[in-house]
Amino acid sequence: MSISRQRARIIECLALLPATVLLAPFMGYGMLAALADTFLGDGNAAQKAIMARAMLLVLAQMLFGCAGLACLWILIWRDVDTVNRKPAYGGW
């Protein structure tokens, strides 16, 4: 059973759409709200520092995840063969 390239591209876009539209922004906004609540809420300075460090590490992981998601969108929009033929930074 063979799927045409156009149908495969549509399926890939539909698979990435929920993660792009819902998951990535809400996780980022939720983490920033939790980080702000950590600094503005009650507690001693040591607890705030420990929680802020943990949240910043998770926020960094989410940024790397968003970068990976952006790379997947580029591969879908430009096609893998085009990206391999014309690398943006000279290639290897």
C-alpha atoms as a PDB file:
ATOM      1  CA  MET A   1       0.000   0.000   0.000  1.00  0.00           C
ATOM      2  CA  SER A   2       1.556   3.220  -1.146  1.00  0.00           C
ATOM      3  CA  ILE A   3       0.662   6.716   0.047  1.00  0.00           C
ATOM      4  CA  SER A   4       1.312   9.628  -2.242  1.00  0.00           C
ATOM      5  CA  ARG A   5       3.843  12.216  -1.135  1.00  0.00           C
ATOM      6  CA  GLN A   6       1.148  14.908  -0.866  1.00  0.00           C
ATOM      7  CA  ARG A   7      -1.046  12.752   1.387  1.00  0.00           C
ATOM      8  CA  ALA A   8       1.938  11.857   3.565  1.00  0.00           C
ATOM      9  CA  ARG A   9       2.757  15.554   3.954  1.00  0.00           C
ATOM     10  CA  ILE A  10      -0.857  16.320   4.963  1.00  0.00           C
ATOM     11  CA  ILE A  11      -0.816  13.493   7.528  1.00  0.00           C
ATOM     12  CA  GLU A  12       2.471  14.778   8.982  1.00  0.00           C
ATOM     13  CA  CYS A  13       1.086  18.319   9.234  1.00  0.00           C
ATOM     14  CA  LEU A  14      -2.052  17.077  10.978  1.00  0.00           C
ATOM     15  CA  ALA A  15       0.089  15.079  13.416  1.00  0.00           C
ATOM     16  CA  LEU A  16       2.267  18.088  14.318  1.00  0.00           C
ATOM     17  CA  LEU A  17      -0.545  20.633  14.470  1.00  0.00           C
ATOM     18  CA  PRO A  18      -1.883  19.830  17.991  1.00  0.00           C
ATOM     19  CA  ALA A  19       1.608  19.908  19.502  1.00  0.00           C
ATOM     20  CA  THR A  20       2.369  23.201  17.785  1.00  0.00           C
ATOM     21  CA  VAL A  21      -0.891  25.011  18.453  1.00  0.00           C
ATOM     22  CA  LEU A  22      -1.852  23.680  21.894  1.00  0.00           C
ATOM     23  CA  LEU A  23       0.930  21.949  23.754  1.00  0.00           C
ATOM     24  CA  ALA A  24       3.947  24.198  23.199  1.00  0.00           C
ATOM     25  CA  PRO A  25       2.342  27.586  24.005  1.00  0.00           C
ATOM     26  CA  PHE A  26       0.320  26.381  26.990  1.00  0.00           C
ATOM     27  CA  MET A  27       3.301  24.618  28.551  1.00  0.00           C
ATOM     28  CA  GLY A  28       5.437  27.727  28.149  1.00  0.00           C
ATOM     29  CA  TYR A  29       2.814  30.080  29.564  1.00  0.00           C
ATOM     30  CA  GLY A  30       2.069  27.691  32.424  1.00  0.00           C
ATOM     31  CA  MET A  31       5.740  27.390  33.320  1.00  0.00           C
ATOM     32  CA  LEU A  32       6.228  31.153  33.263  1.00  0.00           C
ATOM     33  CA  ALA A  33       3.165  31.609  35.484  1.00  0.00           C
ATOM     34  CA  ALA A  34       4.475  28.992  37.927  1.00  0.00           C
ATOM     35  CA  LEU A  35       7.881  30.686  37.941  1.00  0.00           C
ATOM     36  CA  ALA A  36       6.295  34.070  38.677  1.00  0.00           C
ATOM     37  CA  ASP A  37       4.198  32.516  41.446  1.00  0.00           C
ATOM     38  CA  THR A  38       7.358  31.035  42.954  1.00  0.00           C
ATOM     39  CA  PHE A  39       8.980  34.449  43.233  1.00  0.00           C
ATOM     40  CA  LEU A  40       5.836  36.285  44.354  1.00  0.00           C
ATOM     41  CA  GLY A  41       4.501  33.604  46.718  1.00  0.00           C
ATOM     42  CA  ASP A  42       5.292  32.834  50.321  1.00  0.00           C
ATOM     43  CA  GLY A  43       8.340  30.870  51.375  1.00  0.00           C
ATOM     44  CA  ASN A  44      11.946  31.403  52.288  1.00  0.00           C
ATOM     45  CA  ALA A  45      14.661  32.404  49.836  1.00  0.00           C
ATOM     46  CA  ALA A  46      16.276  28.957  49.711  1.00  0.00           C
ATOM     47  CA  GLN A  47      13.018  27.269  48.706  1.00  0.00           C
ATOM     48  CA  LYS A  48      12.403  29.898  46.040  1.00  0.00           C
ATOM     49  CA  ALA A  49      15.908  29.459  44.612  1.00  0.00           C
ATOM     50  CA  ILE A  50      15.595  25.666  44.437  1.00  0.00           C
ATOM     51  CA  MET A  51      12.168  25.801  42.785  1.00  0.00           C
ATOM     52  CA  ALA A  52      13.245  28.523  40.353  1.00  0.00           C
ATOM     53  CA  ARG A  53      16.286  26.491  39.283  1.00  0.00           C
ATOM     54  CA  ALA A  54      14.170  23.395  38.647  1.00  0.00           C
ATOM     55  CA  MET A  55      11.615  25.403  36.687  1.00  0.00           C
ATOM     56  CA  LEU A  56      14.282  27.131  34.595  1.00  0.00           C
ATOM     57  CA  LEU A  57      15.756  23.751  33.671  1.00  0.00           C
ATOM     58  CA  VAL A  58      12.327  22.499  32.558  1.00  0.00           C
ATOM     59  CA  LEU A  59      11.787  25.752  30.652  1.00  0.00           C
ATOM     60  CA  ALA A  60      15.102  25.222  28.852  1.00  0.00           C
ATOM     61  CA  GLN A  61      14.045  21.695  27.927  1.00  0.00           C
ATOM     62  CA  MET A  62      10.777  23.062  26.551  1.00  0.00           C
ATOM     63  CA  LEU A  63      12.690  25.567  24.414  1.00  0.00           C
ATOM     64  CA  PHE A  64      14.795  22.738  22.981  1.00  0.00           C
ATOM     65  CA  GLY A  65      11.580  20.822  22.315  1.00  0.00           C
ATOM     66  CA  CYS A  66      10.122  23.826  20.478  1.00  0.00           C
ATOM     67  CA  ALA A  67      13.311  24.076  18.424  1.00  0.00           C
ATOM     68  CA  GLY A  68      12.962  20.404  17.500  1.00  0.00           C
ATOM     69  CA  LEU A  69       9.342  21.005  16.554  1.00  0.00           C
ATOM     70  CA  ALA A  70      10.411  23.892  14.331  1.00  0.00           C
ATOM     71  CA  CYS A  71      12.959  21.632  12.639  1.00  0.00           C
ATOM     72  CA  LEU A  72      10.238  19.086  11.913  1.00  0.00           C
ATOM     73  CA  TRP A  73       8.063  21.800  10.346  1.00  0.00           C
ATOM     74  CA  ILE A  74      10.984  22.894   8.156  1.00  0.00           C
ATOM     75  CA  LEU A  75      11.502  19.315   6.986  1.00  0.00           C
ATOM     76  CA  ILE A  76       7.816  19.028   6.102  1.00  0.00           C
ATOM     77  CA  TRP A  77       7.571  22.389   4.323  1.00  0.00           C
ATOM     78  CA  ARG A  78      10.829  22.194   2.397  1.00  0.00           C
ATOM     79  CA  ASP A  79      10.986  18.415   1.837  1.00  0.00           C
ATOM     80  CA  VAL A  80      13.855  16.310   3.149  1.00  0.00           C
ATOM     81  CA  ASP A  81      15.575  16.023  -0.238  1.00  0.00           C
ATOM     82  CA  THR A  82      15.645  19.807  -0.673  1.00  0.00           C
ATOM     83  CA  VAL A  83      17.111  20.292   2.799  1.00  0.00           C
ATOM     84  CA  ASN A  84      19.819  17.710   2.055  1.00  0.00           C
ATOM     85  CA  ARG A  85      20.654  19.276  -1.337  1.00  0.00           C
ATOM     86  CA  LYS A  86      20.706  22.922  -0.180  1.00  0.00           C
ATOM     87  CA  PRO A  87      21.876  23.136   3.436  1.00  0.00           C
ATOM     88  CA  ALA A  88      21.566  26.580   4.983  1.00  0.00           C
ATOM     89  CA  TYR A  89      25.052  26.656   6.493  1.00  0.00           C
ATOM     90  CA  GLY A  90      27.205  24.881   3.968  1.00  0.00           C
ATOM     91  CA  GLY A  91      26.572  21.305   5.087  1.00  0.00           C
ATOM     92  CA  TRP A  92      29.174  18.678   5.910  1.00  0.00           C
END
